[in-house]
N, C-alpha and C. Protein backbone atom coordinates (compact mmCIF):
# COMPACT_ATOMS: atom_id res chain seq x y z
N UNK A 1 51.97 60.25 72.50
CA UNK A 1 52.84 61.41 72.37
C UNK A 1 52.31 62.58 73.20
N UNK A 2 50.99 62.66 73.44
CA UNK A 2 50.45 63.74 74.24
C UNK A 2 50.97 63.68 75.67
N UNK A 3 51.35 62.47 76.12
CA UNK A 3 51.83 62.33 77.49
C UNK A 3 53.20 62.95 77.68
N UNK A 4 53.98 63.11 76.62
CA UNK A 4 55.35 63.63 76.76
C UNK A 4 55.50 65.04 76.22
N UNK A 5 54.41 65.67 75.80
CA UNK A 5 54.50 67.03 75.30
C UNK A 5 54.75 67.98 76.47
N UNK A 6 55.83 68.78 76.44
CA UNK A 6 56.10 69.71 77.52
C UNK A 6 54.95 70.69 77.75
N UNK A 7 54.22 71.03 76.67
CA UNK A 7 53.14 72.00 76.79
C UNK A 7 51.91 71.41 77.44
N UNK A 8 51.85 70.10 77.56
CA UNK A 8 50.70 69.45 78.16
C UNK A 8 50.78 69.51 79.67
N UNK A 9 49.77 68.93 80.33
CA UNK A 9 49.76 68.94 81.79
C UNK A 9 51.03 68.32 82.36
N UNK A 10 51.66 69.03 83.30
CA UNK A 10 52.90 68.56 83.88
C UNK A 10 52.75 67.26 84.62
N UNK A 11 51.58 67.01 85.16
CA UNK A 11 51.38 65.77 85.93
C UNK A 11 51.52 64.54 85.04
N UNK A 12 50.95 64.60 83.85
CA UNK A 12 51.03 63.45 82.95
C UNK A 12 52.46 63.20 82.51
N UNK A 13 53.19 64.28 82.26
CA UNK A 13 54.59 64.15 81.86
C UNK A 13 55.40 63.53 82.99
N UNK A 14 55.18 64.01 84.20
CA UNK A 14 55.91 63.48 85.36
C UNK A 14 55.53 62.03 85.61
N UNK A 15 54.26 61.70 85.41
CA UNK A 15 53.81 60.32 85.61
C UNK A 15 54.50 59.38 84.63
N UNK A 16 54.56 59.79 83.36
CA UNK A 16 55.21 58.95 82.36
C UNK A 16 56.68 58.75 82.70
N UNK A 17 57.36 59.81 83.15
CA UNK A 17 58.77 59.68 83.52
C UNK A 17 58.93 58.70 84.67
N UNK A 18 58.06 58.79 85.67
CA UNK A 18 58.17 57.86 86.81
C UNK A 18 57.97 56.42 86.37
N UNK A 19 57.02 56.20 85.46
CA UNK A 19 56.74 54.84 84.99
C UNK A 19 57.93 54.30 84.18
N UNK A 20 58.40 55.09 83.21
CA UNK A 20 59.47 54.63 82.33
C UNK A 20 60.75 54.38 83.12
N UNK A 21 61.14 55.33 83.96
CA UNK A 21 62.40 55.17 84.69
C UNK A 21 62.26 54.17 85.83
N UNK A 22 61.03 53.99 86.32
CA UNK A 22 60.80 52.94 87.31
C UNK A 22 60.99 51.56 86.69
N UNK A 23 60.46 51.37 85.49
CA UNK A 23 60.66 50.10 84.77
C UNK A 23 62.13 49.90 84.45
N UNK A 24 62.80 50.97 84.02
CA UNK A 24 64.22 50.88 83.69
C UNK A 24 65.04 50.46 84.90
N UNK A 25 64.76 51.05 86.06
CA UNK A 25 65.48 50.69 87.28
C UNK A 25 65.19 49.25 87.69
N UNK A 26 63.94 48.82 87.54
CA UNK A 26 63.58 47.45 87.90
C UNK A 26 64.29 46.44 87.00
N UNK A 27 64.38 46.76 85.71
CA UNK A 27 65.09 45.87 84.78
C UNK A 27 66.57 45.78 85.11
N UNK A 28 67.17 46.90 85.53
CA UNK A 28 68.58 46.86 85.91
C UNK A 28 68.78 45.98 87.14
N UNK A 29 67.89 46.11 88.11
CA UNK A 29 68.00 45.25 89.30
C UNK A 29 67.82 43.79 88.93
N UNK A 30 66.85 43.51 88.08
CA UNK A 30 66.56 42.14 87.67
C UNK A 30 67.76 41.52 86.97
N UNK A 31 68.45 42.32 86.15
CA UNK A 31 69.59 41.83 85.38
C UNK A 31 70.94 42.07 86.07
N UNK A 32 70.89 42.56 87.31
CA UNK A 32 72.11 42.80 88.11
C UNK A 32 73.07 43.75 87.41
N UNK A 33 72.53 44.80 86.80
CA UNK A 33 73.35 45.84 86.18
C UNK A 33 73.67 46.87 87.27
N UNK A 34 74.96 47.14 87.49
CA UNK A 34 75.38 48.00 88.60
C UNK A 34 76.34 49.08 88.13
N UNK A 35 76.44 50.14 88.92
CA UNK A 35 77.45 51.16 88.70
C UNK A 35 78.75 50.70 89.37
N UNK A 36 79.88 50.89 88.71
CA UNK A 36 81.16 50.48 89.29
C UNK A 36 81.98 51.68 89.76
N UNK A 37 81.40 52.88 89.66
CA UNK A 37 82.06 54.08 90.13
C UNK A 37 81.01 55.15 90.36
N UNK A 38 81.35 56.13 91.19
CA UNK A 38 80.47 57.27 91.40
C UNK A 38 80.92 58.48 90.59
N UNK A 39 81.93 58.30 89.74
CA UNK A 39 82.46 59.38 88.91
C UNK A 39 81.36 59.92 87.99
N UNK A 40 81.05 61.21 88.05
CA UNK A 40 79.97 61.77 87.22
C UNK A 40 80.27 61.77 85.73
N UNK A 41 81.54 61.52 85.34
CA UNK A 41 81.88 61.47 83.92
C UNK A 41 81.73 60.06 83.35
N UNK A 42 81.47 59.06 84.19
CA UNK A 42 81.34 57.69 83.72
C UNK A 42 80.02 57.51 82.98
N UNK A 43 80.05 56.90 81.82
CA UNK A 43 78.83 56.70 81.03
C UNK A 43 78.54 55.21 80.85
N UNK A 44 79.16 54.36 81.68
CA UNK A 44 78.97 52.92 81.56
C UNK A 44 78.56 52.30 82.88
N UNK A 45 77.70 51.32 82.79
CA UNK A 45 77.40 50.41 83.89
C UNK A 45 77.88 49.02 83.48
N UNK A 46 77.76 48.05 84.37
CA UNK A 46 78.24 46.71 84.04
C UNK A 46 77.41 45.64 84.75
N UNK A 47 77.48 44.47 84.21
CA UNK A 47 76.98 43.28 84.89
C UNK A 47 77.91 42.13 84.54
N UNK A 48 77.89 41.10 85.35
CA UNK A 48 78.68 39.91 85.10
C UNK A 48 77.76 38.84 84.54
N UNK A 49 78.11 38.29 83.38
CA UNK A 49 77.29 37.29 82.72
C UNK A 49 78.18 36.11 82.34
N UNK A 50 77.59 35.12 81.67
CA UNK A 50 78.34 33.94 81.23
C UNK A 50 78.20 33.78 79.72
N UNK A 51 79.29 33.42 79.07
CA UNK A 51 79.30 33.26 77.62
C UNK A 51 78.43 32.08 77.20
N UNK A 52 77.69 32.28 76.12
CA UNK A 52 76.85 31.22 75.59
C UNK A 52 77.63 30.27 74.69
N UNK A 53 78.76 30.73 74.16
CA UNK A 53 79.57 29.88 73.28
C UNK A 53 81.04 30.26 73.42
N UNK A 54 81.96 29.39 73.00
CA UNK A 54 83.39 29.70 73.13
C UNK A 54 83.76 30.95 72.33
N UNK A 55 84.84 31.59 72.77
CA UNK A 55 85.24 32.85 72.16
C UNK A 55 86.76 32.90 72.07
N UNK A 56 87.27 33.32 70.91
CA UNK A 56 88.71 33.53 70.71
C UNK A 56 88.89 34.91 70.09
N UNK A 57 89.69 35.75 70.75
CA UNK A 57 89.92 37.12 70.26
C UNK A 57 91.24 37.21 69.50
N UNK A 58 91.42 38.33 68.82
CA UNK A 58 92.57 38.49 67.94
C UNK A 58 93.90 38.42 68.68
N UNK A 59 93.93 38.82 69.96
CA UNK A 59 95.19 38.80 70.70
C UNK A 59 95.49 37.43 71.31
N UNK A 60 94.66 36.43 70.97
CA UNK A 60 94.88 35.08 71.47
C UNK A 60 94.11 34.73 72.71
N UNK A 61 93.42 35.69 73.31
CA UNK A 61 92.61 35.41 74.49
C UNK A 61 91.45 34.50 74.11
N UNK A 62 91.26 33.45 74.88
CA UNK A 62 90.16 32.52 74.63
C UNK A 62 89.35 32.34 75.90
N UNK A 63 88.09 32.04 75.72
CA UNK A 63 87.19 31.80 76.85
C UNK A 63 86.21 30.70 76.44
N UNK A 64 85.94 29.82 77.34
CA UNK A 64 85.04 28.70 77.05
C UNK A 64 83.59 29.11 77.26
N UNK A 65 82.68 28.33 76.72
CA UNK A 65 81.26 28.56 76.97
C UNK A 65 81.00 28.39 78.46
N UNK A 66 80.26 29.32 79.03
CA UNK A 66 79.97 29.29 80.46
C UNK A 66 80.92 30.14 81.28
N UNK A 67 82.01 30.60 80.67
CA UNK A 67 82.96 31.45 81.40
C UNK A 67 82.32 32.82 81.67
N UNK A 68 82.68 33.40 82.79
CA UNK A 68 82.14 34.71 83.13
C UNK A 68 82.83 35.82 82.34
N UNK A 69 82.08 36.87 82.04
CA UNK A 69 82.62 38.04 81.37
C UNK A 69 81.89 39.28 81.88
N UNK A 70 82.48 40.44 81.65
CA UNK A 70 81.86 41.71 82.03
C UNK A 70 81.11 42.26 80.83
N UNK A 71 79.84 42.56 81.03
CA UNK A 71 78.98 43.10 79.98
C UNK A 71 78.71 44.57 80.29
N UNK A 72 79.07 45.46 79.38
CA UNK A 72 78.93 46.89 79.60
C UNK A 72 77.61 47.42 79.05
N UNK A 73 77.01 48.33 79.81
CA UNK A 73 75.76 48.97 79.42
C UNK A 73 75.93 50.48 79.53
N UNK A 74 75.25 51.23 78.68
CA UNK A 74 75.30 52.68 78.77
C UNK A 74 74.58 53.16 80.02
N UNK A 75 75.17 54.13 80.69
CA UNK A 75 74.57 54.77 81.86
C UNK A 75 73.81 55.98 81.33
N UNK A 76 72.55 55.77 80.98
CA UNK A 76 71.78 56.78 80.25
C UNK A 76 71.74 58.13 80.94
N UNK A 77 71.62 58.11 82.27
CA UNK A 77 71.48 59.36 83.00
C UNK A 77 72.72 60.24 82.92
N UNK A 78 73.89 59.67 82.58
CA UNK A 78 75.12 60.43 82.60
C UNK A 78 75.72 60.67 81.21
N UNK A 79 75.01 60.23 80.18
CA UNK A 79 75.49 60.49 78.83
C UNK A 79 75.29 61.97 78.51
N UNK A 80 76.31 62.66 78.00
CA UNK A 80 76.17 64.09 77.65
C UNK A 80 75.00 64.31 76.69
N UNK A 81 74.20 65.31 76.99
CA UNK A 81 73.03 65.60 76.15
C UNK A 81 73.48 66.07 74.78
N UNK A 82 72.86 65.50 73.76
CA UNK A 82 73.17 65.91 72.39
C UNK A 82 72.49 67.25 72.10
N UNK A 83 73.18 68.17 71.42
CA UNK A 83 72.54 69.45 71.07
C UNK A 83 71.29 69.25 70.21
N UNK A 84 70.37 70.19 70.28
CA UNK A 84 69.12 70.09 69.53
C UNK A 84 69.36 69.96 68.03
N UNK A 85 70.44 70.59 67.56
CA UNK A 85 70.73 70.54 66.12
C UNK A 85 71.45 69.26 65.71
N UNK A 86 71.68 68.35 66.66
CA UNK A 86 72.31 67.08 66.36
C UNK A 86 73.74 67.01 66.87
N UNK A 87 74.39 65.88 66.58
CA UNK A 87 75.75 65.67 67.07
C UNK A 87 76.70 66.73 66.53
N UNK A 88 77.51 67.28 67.42
CA UNK A 88 78.51 68.28 67.04
C UNK A 88 79.90 67.75 67.36
N UNK A 89 80.92 68.44 66.88
CA UNK A 89 82.29 68.03 67.16
C UNK A 89 82.56 68.10 68.66
N UNK A 90 82.04 69.15 69.31
CA UNK A 90 82.25 69.29 70.76
C UNK A 90 81.58 68.15 71.52
N UNK A 91 80.37 67.77 71.09
CA UNK A 91 79.67 66.66 71.76
C UNK A 91 80.42 65.35 71.53
N UNK A 92 80.89 65.10 70.31
CA UNK A 92 81.64 63.88 70.01
C UNK A 92 82.91 63.81 70.84
N UNK A 93 83.58 64.95 70.99
CA UNK A 93 84.80 65.00 71.81
C UNK A 93 84.48 64.69 73.26
N UNK A 94 83.39 65.22 73.77
CA UNK A 94 83.00 64.96 75.15
C UNK A 94 82.68 63.49 75.36
N UNK A 95 81.98 62.87 74.40
CA UNK A 95 81.69 61.45 74.49
C UNK A 95 82.98 60.62 74.47
N UNK A 96 83.93 61.02 73.63
CA UNK A 96 85.22 60.32 73.54
C UNK A 96 85.93 60.34 74.89
N UNK A 97 85.99 61.51 75.51
CA UNK A 97 86.66 61.64 76.81
C UNK A 97 85.93 60.82 77.87
N UNK A 98 84.61 60.91 77.88
CA UNK A 98 83.83 60.17 78.88
C UNK A 98 83.99 58.66 78.72
N UNK A 99 84.03 58.19 77.47
CA UNK A 99 84.16 56.76 77.23
C UNK A 99 85.53 56.26 77.69
N UNK A 100 86.57 57.01 77.38
CA UNK A 100 87.90 56.62 77.81
C UNK A 100 88.01 56.62 79.33
N UNK A 101 87.48 57.65 79.97
CA UNK A 101 87.54 57.72 81.43
C UNK A 101 86.72 56.59 82.06
N UNK A 102 85.62 56.22 81.42
CA UNK A 102 84.81 55.11 81.93
C UNK A 102 85.58 53.81 81.91
N UNK A 103 86.33 53.57 80.83
CA UNK A 103 87.14 52.36 80.74
C UNK A 103 88.29 52.38 81.75
N UNK A 104 88.85 53.54 82.01
CA UNK A 104 89.87 53.66 83.04
C UNK A 104 89.29 53.33 84.42
N UNK A 105 88.10 53.82 84.68
CA UNK A 105 87.44 53.53 85.95
C UNK A 105 87.12 52.04 86.07
N UNK A 106 86.78 51.42 84.96
CA UNK A 106 86.49 49.99 84.98
C UNK A 106 87.74 49.19 85.34
N UNK A 107 88.89 49.57 84.79
CA UNK A 107 90.14 48.89 85.13
C UNK A 107 90.43 49.01 86.61
N UNK A 108 90.24 50.20 87.15
CA UNK A 108 90.48 50.42 88.58
C UNK A 108 89.53 49.57 89.43
N UNK A 109 88.27 49.50 89.00
CA UNK A 109 87.29 48.72 89.75
C UNK A 109 87.63 47.23 89.74
N UNK A 110 87.96 46.70 88.58
CA UNK A 110 88.27 45.28 88.48
C UNK A 110 89.50 44.92 89.32
N UNK A 111 90.43 45.87 89.45
CA UNK A 111 91.63 45.62 90.24
C UNK A 111 91.31 45.46 91.73
N UNK A 112 90.15 45.98 92.15
CA UNK A 112 89.75 45.87 93.56
C UNK A 112 88.83 44.68 93.81
N UNK A 113 88.56 43.90 92.78
CA UNK A 113 87.61 42.78 92.90
C UNK A 113 88.30 41.46 92.60
N UNK A 114 89.00 40.87 93.57
CA UNK A 114 89.65 39.59 93.33
C UNK A 114 88.67 38.47 92.99
N UNK A 115 87.40 38.65 93.35
CA UNK A 115 86.40 37.64 93.01
C UNK A 115 86.09 37.62 91.52
N UNK A 116 86.60 38.63 90.78
CA UNK A 116 86.39 38.68 89.33
C UNK A 116 87.69 38.40 88.57
N UNK A 117 88.67 37.82 89.25
CA UNK A 117 89.95 37.53 88.60
C UNK A 117 89.82 36.56 87.44
N UNK A 118 88.75 35.75 87.43
CA UNK A 118 88.58 34.78 86.35
C UNK A 118 88.02 35.42 85.08
N UNK A 119 87.55 36.65 85.16
CA UNK A 119 86.99 37.34 83.99
C UNK A 119 88.11 37.70 83.02
N UNK A 120 88.03 37.18 81.80
CA UNK A 120 89.09 37.40 80.81
C UNK A 120 88.66 38.31 79.67
N UNK A 121 87.36 38.54 79.50
CA UNK A 121 86.89 39.36 78.38
C UNK A 121 85.81 40.33 78.85
N UNK A 122 85.70 41.44 78.12
CA UNK A 122 84.69 42.46 78.36
C UNK A 122 83.91 42.66 77.07
N UNK A 123 82.60 42.75 77.20
CA UNK A 123 81.74 42.90 76.02
C UNK A 123 80.94 44.19 76.08
N UNK A 124 80.73 44.78 74.93
CA UNK A 124 79.84 45.93 74.80
C UNK A 124 78.83 45.59 73.71
N UNK A 125 77.54 45.65 74.04
CA UNK A 125 76.49 45.36 73.08
C UNK A 125 75.94 46.66 72.52
N UNK A 126 76.06 46.87 71.22
CA UNK A 126 75.59 48.09 70.57
C UNK A 126 74.12 47.96 70.22
N UNK A 127 73.35 48.94 70.65
CA UNK A 127 71.91 48.95 70.36
C UNK A 127 71.49 50.36 69.96
N UNK A 128 72.31 51.01 69.13
CA UNK A 128 72.04 52.40 68.80
C UNK A 128 70.90 52.55 67.81
N UNK A 129 70.85 51.74 66.77
CA UNK A 129 69.77 51.85 65.79
C UNK A 129 69.86 50.66 64.85
N UNK A 130 69.74 50.91 63.55
CA UNK A 130 69.71 49.83 62.58
C UNK A 130 71.06 49.13 62.51
N UNK A 131 71.07 47.94 61.90
CA UNK A 131 72.30 47.16 61.80
C UNK A 131 73.37 47.91 61.02
N UNK A 132 72.96 48.73 60.02
CA UNK A 132 73.93 49.50 59.25
C UNK A 132 74.67 50.49 60.14
N UNK A 133 73.97 51.14 61.04
CA UNK A 133 74.60 52.11 61.93
C UNK A 133 75.45 51.38 62.99
N UNK A 134 75.00 50.22 63.43
CA UNK A 134 75.79 49.46 64.40
C UNK A 134 77.15 49.08 63.82
N UNK A 135 77.19 48.75 62.53
CA UNK A 135 78.47 48.40 61.91
C UNK A 135 79.41 49.60 61.93
N UNK A 136 78.88 50.79 61.74
CA UNK A 136 79.70 52.00 61.84
C UNK A 136 80.22 52.17 63.26
N UNK A 137 79.37 51.93 64.25
CA UNK A 137 79.79 52.06 65.64
C UNK A 137 80.82 51.00 66.00
N UNK A 138 80.68 49.81 65.43
CA UNK A 138 81.66 48.75 65.70
C UNK A 138 83.04 49.16 65.20
N UNK A 139 83.08 49.79 64.03
CA UNK A 139 84.36 50.28 63.51
C UNK A 139 84.92 51.38 64.40
N UNK A 140 84.03 52.24 64.90
CA UNK A 140 84.46 53.30 65.79
C UNK A 140 85.05 52.72 67.08
N UNK A 141 84.37 51.75 67.66
CA UNK A 141 84.86 51.15 68.90
C UNK A 141 86.14 50.35 68.68
N UNK A 142 86.42 49.97 67.43
CA UNK A 142 87.68 49.32 67.13
C UNK A 142 88.85 50.22 67.48
N UNK A 143 88.65 51.52 67.44
CA UNK A 143 89.71 52.46 67.80
C UNK A 143 90.02 52.42 69.29
N UNK A 144 89.08 51.89 70.07
CA UNK A 144 89.28 51.77 71.51
C UNK A 144 89.74 50.37 71.91
N UNK A 145 89.98 49.52 70.91
CA UNK A 145 90.49 48.19 71.20
C UNK A 145 89.46 47.08 71.13
N UNK A 146 88.19 47.41 70.88
CA UNK A 146 87.15 46.40 70.80
C UNK A 146 87.12 45.78 69.40
N UNK A 147 86.73 44.52 69.32
CA UNK A 147 86.63 43.86 68.03
C UNK A 147 85.24 43.21 67.88
N UNK A 148 84.76 43.23 66.66
CA UNK A 148 83.43 42.70 66.36
C UNK A 148 83.46 41.18 66.39
N UNK A 149 82.49 40.59 67.10
CA UNK A 149 82.31 39.14 67.12
C UNK A 149 80.87 38.86 66.70
N UNK A 150 80.65 38.31 65.51
CA UNK A 150 79.28 38.07 65.04
C UNK A 150 78.52 37.14 65.98
N UNK A 151 77.23 37.42 66.12
CA UNK A 151 76.38 36.59 66.96
C UNK A 151 75.74 35.49 66.15
N UNK A 152 74.68 34.92 66.71
CA UNK A 152 73.95 33.87 66.02
C UNK A 152 73.33 34.42 64.74
N UNK A 153 73.27 33.60 63.71
CA UNK A 153 72.78 34.06 62.41
C UNK A 153 71.29 34.33 62.40
N UNK A 154 70.52 33.62 63.22
CA UNK A 154 69.07 33.79 63.22
C UNK A 154 68.55 33.92 64.65
N UNK A 155 67.54 34.78 64.83
CA UNK A 155 66.94 34.98 66.13
C UNK A 155 65.69 34.14 66.26
N UNK A 156 65.42 33.68 67.47
CA UNK A 156 64.19 32.96 67.73
C UNK A 156 63.04 33.97 67.84
N UNK A 157 61.82 33.47 67.80
CA UNK A 157 60.65 34.36 67.93
C UNK A 157 60.66 35.06 69.28
N UNK A 158 61.02 34.33 70.34
CA UNK A 158 61.05 34.92 71.68
C UNK A 158 62.12 36.01 71.77
N UNK A 159 63.27 35.79 71.11
CA UNK A 159 64.32 36.81 71.11
C UNK A 159 63.86 38.05 70.37
N UNK A 160 63.19 37.86 69.24
CA UNK A 160 62.69 39.01 68.49
C UNK A 160 61.69 39.81 69.32
N UNK A 161 60.80 39.12 70.02
CA UNK A 161 59.81 39.79 70.86
C UNK A 161 60.49 40.55 72.01
N UNK A 162 61.51 39.92 72.62
CA UNK A 162 62.22 40.57 73.72
C UNK A 162 62.97 41.80 73.23
N UNK A 163 63.62 41.69 72.09
CA UNK A 163 64.35 42.83 71.55
C UNK A 163 63.41 43.99 71.22
N UNK A 164 62.24 43.66 70.67
CA UNK A 164 61.29 44.72 70.34
C UNK A 164 60.81 45.44 71.60
N UNK A 165 60.54 44.66 72.65
CA UNK A 165 60.16 45.27 73.92
C UNK A 165 61.26 46.15 74.48
N UNK A 166 62.51 45.68 74.40
CA UNK A 166 63.65 46.48 74.86
C UNK A 166 63.77 47.76 74.03
N UNK A 167 63.54 47.65 72.73
CA UNK A 167 63.65 48.83 71.86
C UNK A 167 62.62 49.89 72.22
N UNK A 168 61.42 49.45 72.58
CA UNK A 168 60.39 50.41 73.00
C UNK A 168 60.84 51.11 74.28
N UNK A 169 61.36 50.35 75.24
CA UNK A 169 61.82 50.93 76.49
C UNK A 169 62.97 51.91 76.25
N UNK A 170 63.93 51.53 75.42
CA UNK A 170 65.08 52.40 75.12
C UNK A 170 64.59 53.69 74.45
N UNK A 171 63.64 53.55 73.52
CA UNK A 171 63.11 54.71 72.82
C UNK A 171 62.48 55.70 73.79
N UNK A 172 61.71 55.20 74.74
CA UNK A 172 61.08 56.08 75.72
C UNK A 172 62.10 56.76 76.61
N UNK A 173 63.14 56.02 77.01
CA UNK A 173 64.19 56.61 77.85
C UNK A 173 64.91 57.73 77.09
N UNK A 174 65.26 57.47 75.82
CA UNK A 174 65.94 58.49 75.02
C UNK A 174 65.03 59.70 74.81
N UNK A 175 63.77 59.45 74.55
CA UNK A 175 62.81 60.53 74.32
C UNK A 175 62.71 61.44 75.53
N UNK A 176 62.71 60.85 76.71
CA UNK A 176 62.55 61.63 77.93
C UNK A 176 63.86 62.25 78.42
N UNK A 177 64.98 61.61 78.10
CA UNK A 177 66.28 62.10 78.57
C UNK A 177 66.95 63.04 77.57
N UNK A 178 66.90 62.69 76.30
CA UNK A 178 67.68 63.43 75.29
C UNK A 178 67.00 63.26 73.94
N UNK A 179 65.89 63.95 73.75
CA UNK A 179 65.07 63.78 72.55
C UNK A 179 65.83 64.08 71.27
N UNK A 180 66.86 64.93 71.35
CA UNK A 180 67.63 65.27 70.15
C UNK A 180 68.35 64.06 69.58
N UNK A 181 68.60 63.04 70.42
CA UNK A 181 69.33 61.85 69.97
C UNK A 181 68.40 60.80 69.37
N UNK A 182 67.10 61.05 69.36
CA UNK A 182 66.14 60.06 68.86
C UNK A 182 66.17 60.02 67.34
N UNK A 183 66.15 58.80 66.79
CA UNK A 183 66.19 58.61 65.34
C UNK A 183 64.94 57.85 64.89
N UNK A 184 64.62 57.97 63.59
CA UNK A 184 63.42 57.32 63.06
C UNK A 184 63.52 55.80 63.11
N UNK A 185 64.74 55.28 63.04
CA UNK A 185 64.91 53.82 63.02
C UNK A 185 65.13 53.24 64.41
N UNK A 186 64.72 53.98 65.43
CA UNK A 186 65.02 53.56 66.80
C UNK A 186 64.37 52.24 67.17
N UNK A 187 63.20 51.92 66.61
CA UNK A 187 62.54 50.67 66.95
C UNK A 187 63.13 49.49 66.18
N UNK A 188 64.07 49.74 65.27
CA UNK A 188 64.74 48.67 64.54
C UNK A 188 66.14 48.41 65.09
N UNK A 189 66.37 48.80 66.33
CA UNK A 189 67.69 48.61 66.92
C UNK A 189 68.08 47.13 66.89
N UNK A 190 69.23 46.87 66.33
CA UNK A 190 69.75 45.51 66.30
C UNK A 190 70.69 45.32 67.48
N UNK A 191 71.33 44.16 67.56
CA UNK A 191 72.28 43.87 68.64
C UNK A 191 73.62 43.48 68.00
N UNK A 192 74.60 44.34 68.14
CA UNK A 192 75.94 44.06 67.62
C UNK A 192 76.90 44.02 68.80
N UNK A 193 77.64 42.91 68.93
CA UNK A 193 78.48 42.71 70.11
C UNK A 193 79.95 42.86 69.76
N UNK A 194 80.64 43.68 70.54
CA UNK A 194 82.08 43.85 70.38
C UNK A 194 82.76 43.49 71.69
N UNK A 195 83.95 42.92 71.58
CA UNK A 195 84.67 42.43 72.76
C UNK A 195 86.07 43.02 72.82
N UNK A 196 86.61 43.07 74.02
CA UNK A 196 88.01 43.38 74.25
C UNK A 196 88.49 42.45 75.36
N UNK A 197 89.71 41.96 75.25
CA UNK A 197 90.24 41.11 76.31
C UNK A 197 90.56 41.96 77.52
N UNK A 198 90.49 41.38 78.68
CA UNK A 198 90.84 42.12 79.90
C UNK A 198 92.30 42.56 79.85
N UNK A 199 93.13 41.71 79.28
CA UNK A 199 94.55 42.05 79.16
C UNK A 199 94.74 43.30 78.32
N UNK A 200 94.05 43.37 77.16
CA UNK A 200 94.15 44.55 76.31
C UNK A 200 93.55 45.78 76.98
N UNK A 201 92.46 45.58 77.71
CA UNK A 201 91.83 46.68 78.43
C UNK A 201 92.80 47.29 79.44
N UNK A 202 93.48 46.43 80.20
CA UNK A 202 94.42 46.92 81.20
C UNK A 202 95.63 47.58 80.55
N UNK A 203 96.10 47.03 79.43
CA UNK A 203 97.25 47.62 78.75
C UNK A 203 96.92 49.01 78.20
N UNK A 204 95.71 49.16 77.66
CA UNK A 204 95.32 50.44 77.05
C UNK A 204 94.96 51.49 78.09
N UNK A 205 94.25 51.08 79.14
CA UNK A 205 93.65 52.05 80.05
C UNK A 205 94.14 51.94 81.50
N UNK A 206 94.98 50.95 81.77
CA UNK A 206 95.45 50.77 83.13
C UNK A 206 96.48 51.80 83.56
N UNK A 207 97.31 52.26 82.61
CA UNK A 207 98.34 53.24 82.97
C UNK A 207 97.74 54.52 83.50
N UNK A 208 96.73 55.05 82.78
CA UNK A 208 96.09 56.27 83.23
C UNK A 208 95.35 56.06 84.54
N UNK A 209 94.74 54.85 84.69
CA UNK A 209 94.02 54.56 85.93
C UNK A 209 94.98 54.52 87.11
N UNK A 210 96.17 53.92 86.93
CA UNK A 210 97.14 53.85 88.02
C UNK A 210 97.67 55.22 88.37
N UNK A 211 97.82 56.07 87.35
CA UNK A 211 98.33 57.42 87.60
C UNK A 211 97.38 58.25 88.44
N UNK A 212 96.06 57.94 88.33
CA UNK A 212 95.06 58.68 89.08
C UNK A 212 94.90 58.16 90.50
N UNK A 213 95.36 56.95 90.78
CA UNK A 213 95.14 56.34 92.09
C UNK A 213 96.16 56.86 93.10
């Protein structure tokens, strides 16, 4: 904690930031996580992955195991800073607008990528904090058209170790970027996955995207 104290030597603070964000950038490159727009209001990045098991969504969209899908990640550097006193109505409204605009930008981007025409579903993995809070976020994202799809019932030892390492990295990024958003249960971040079909995504957010083009 002495390394991140603003009152401490600036060199140590700057060094820690370079290390943490250097690791974060390297992990994004390793996992092929990319920006799909230069819009400063976008708070999402994406990567293309393959489903580990078959999937059927409420609107009838189905995808087989091995099918490609778009996996969304938070763009930490562009998330609106939370006020020191915690989440406010103004901050929540700003996040709402940014999230909607990000999905509109995603629709526009996918329309320019014929090589991704086979992608039928989009996933967002929630890693905000404990499983109880993730369930609340899943209900919130349901308002944007996403639906909860339960994952595997039990994690392997290697998965638990990987998640814990990711949680440490996420905690350091939040601490250095927006300390007001840090919670005590940050190291217990679970993984809750919500999906939306590409068809539903385009129906909900394609109209606004076309109007802007």
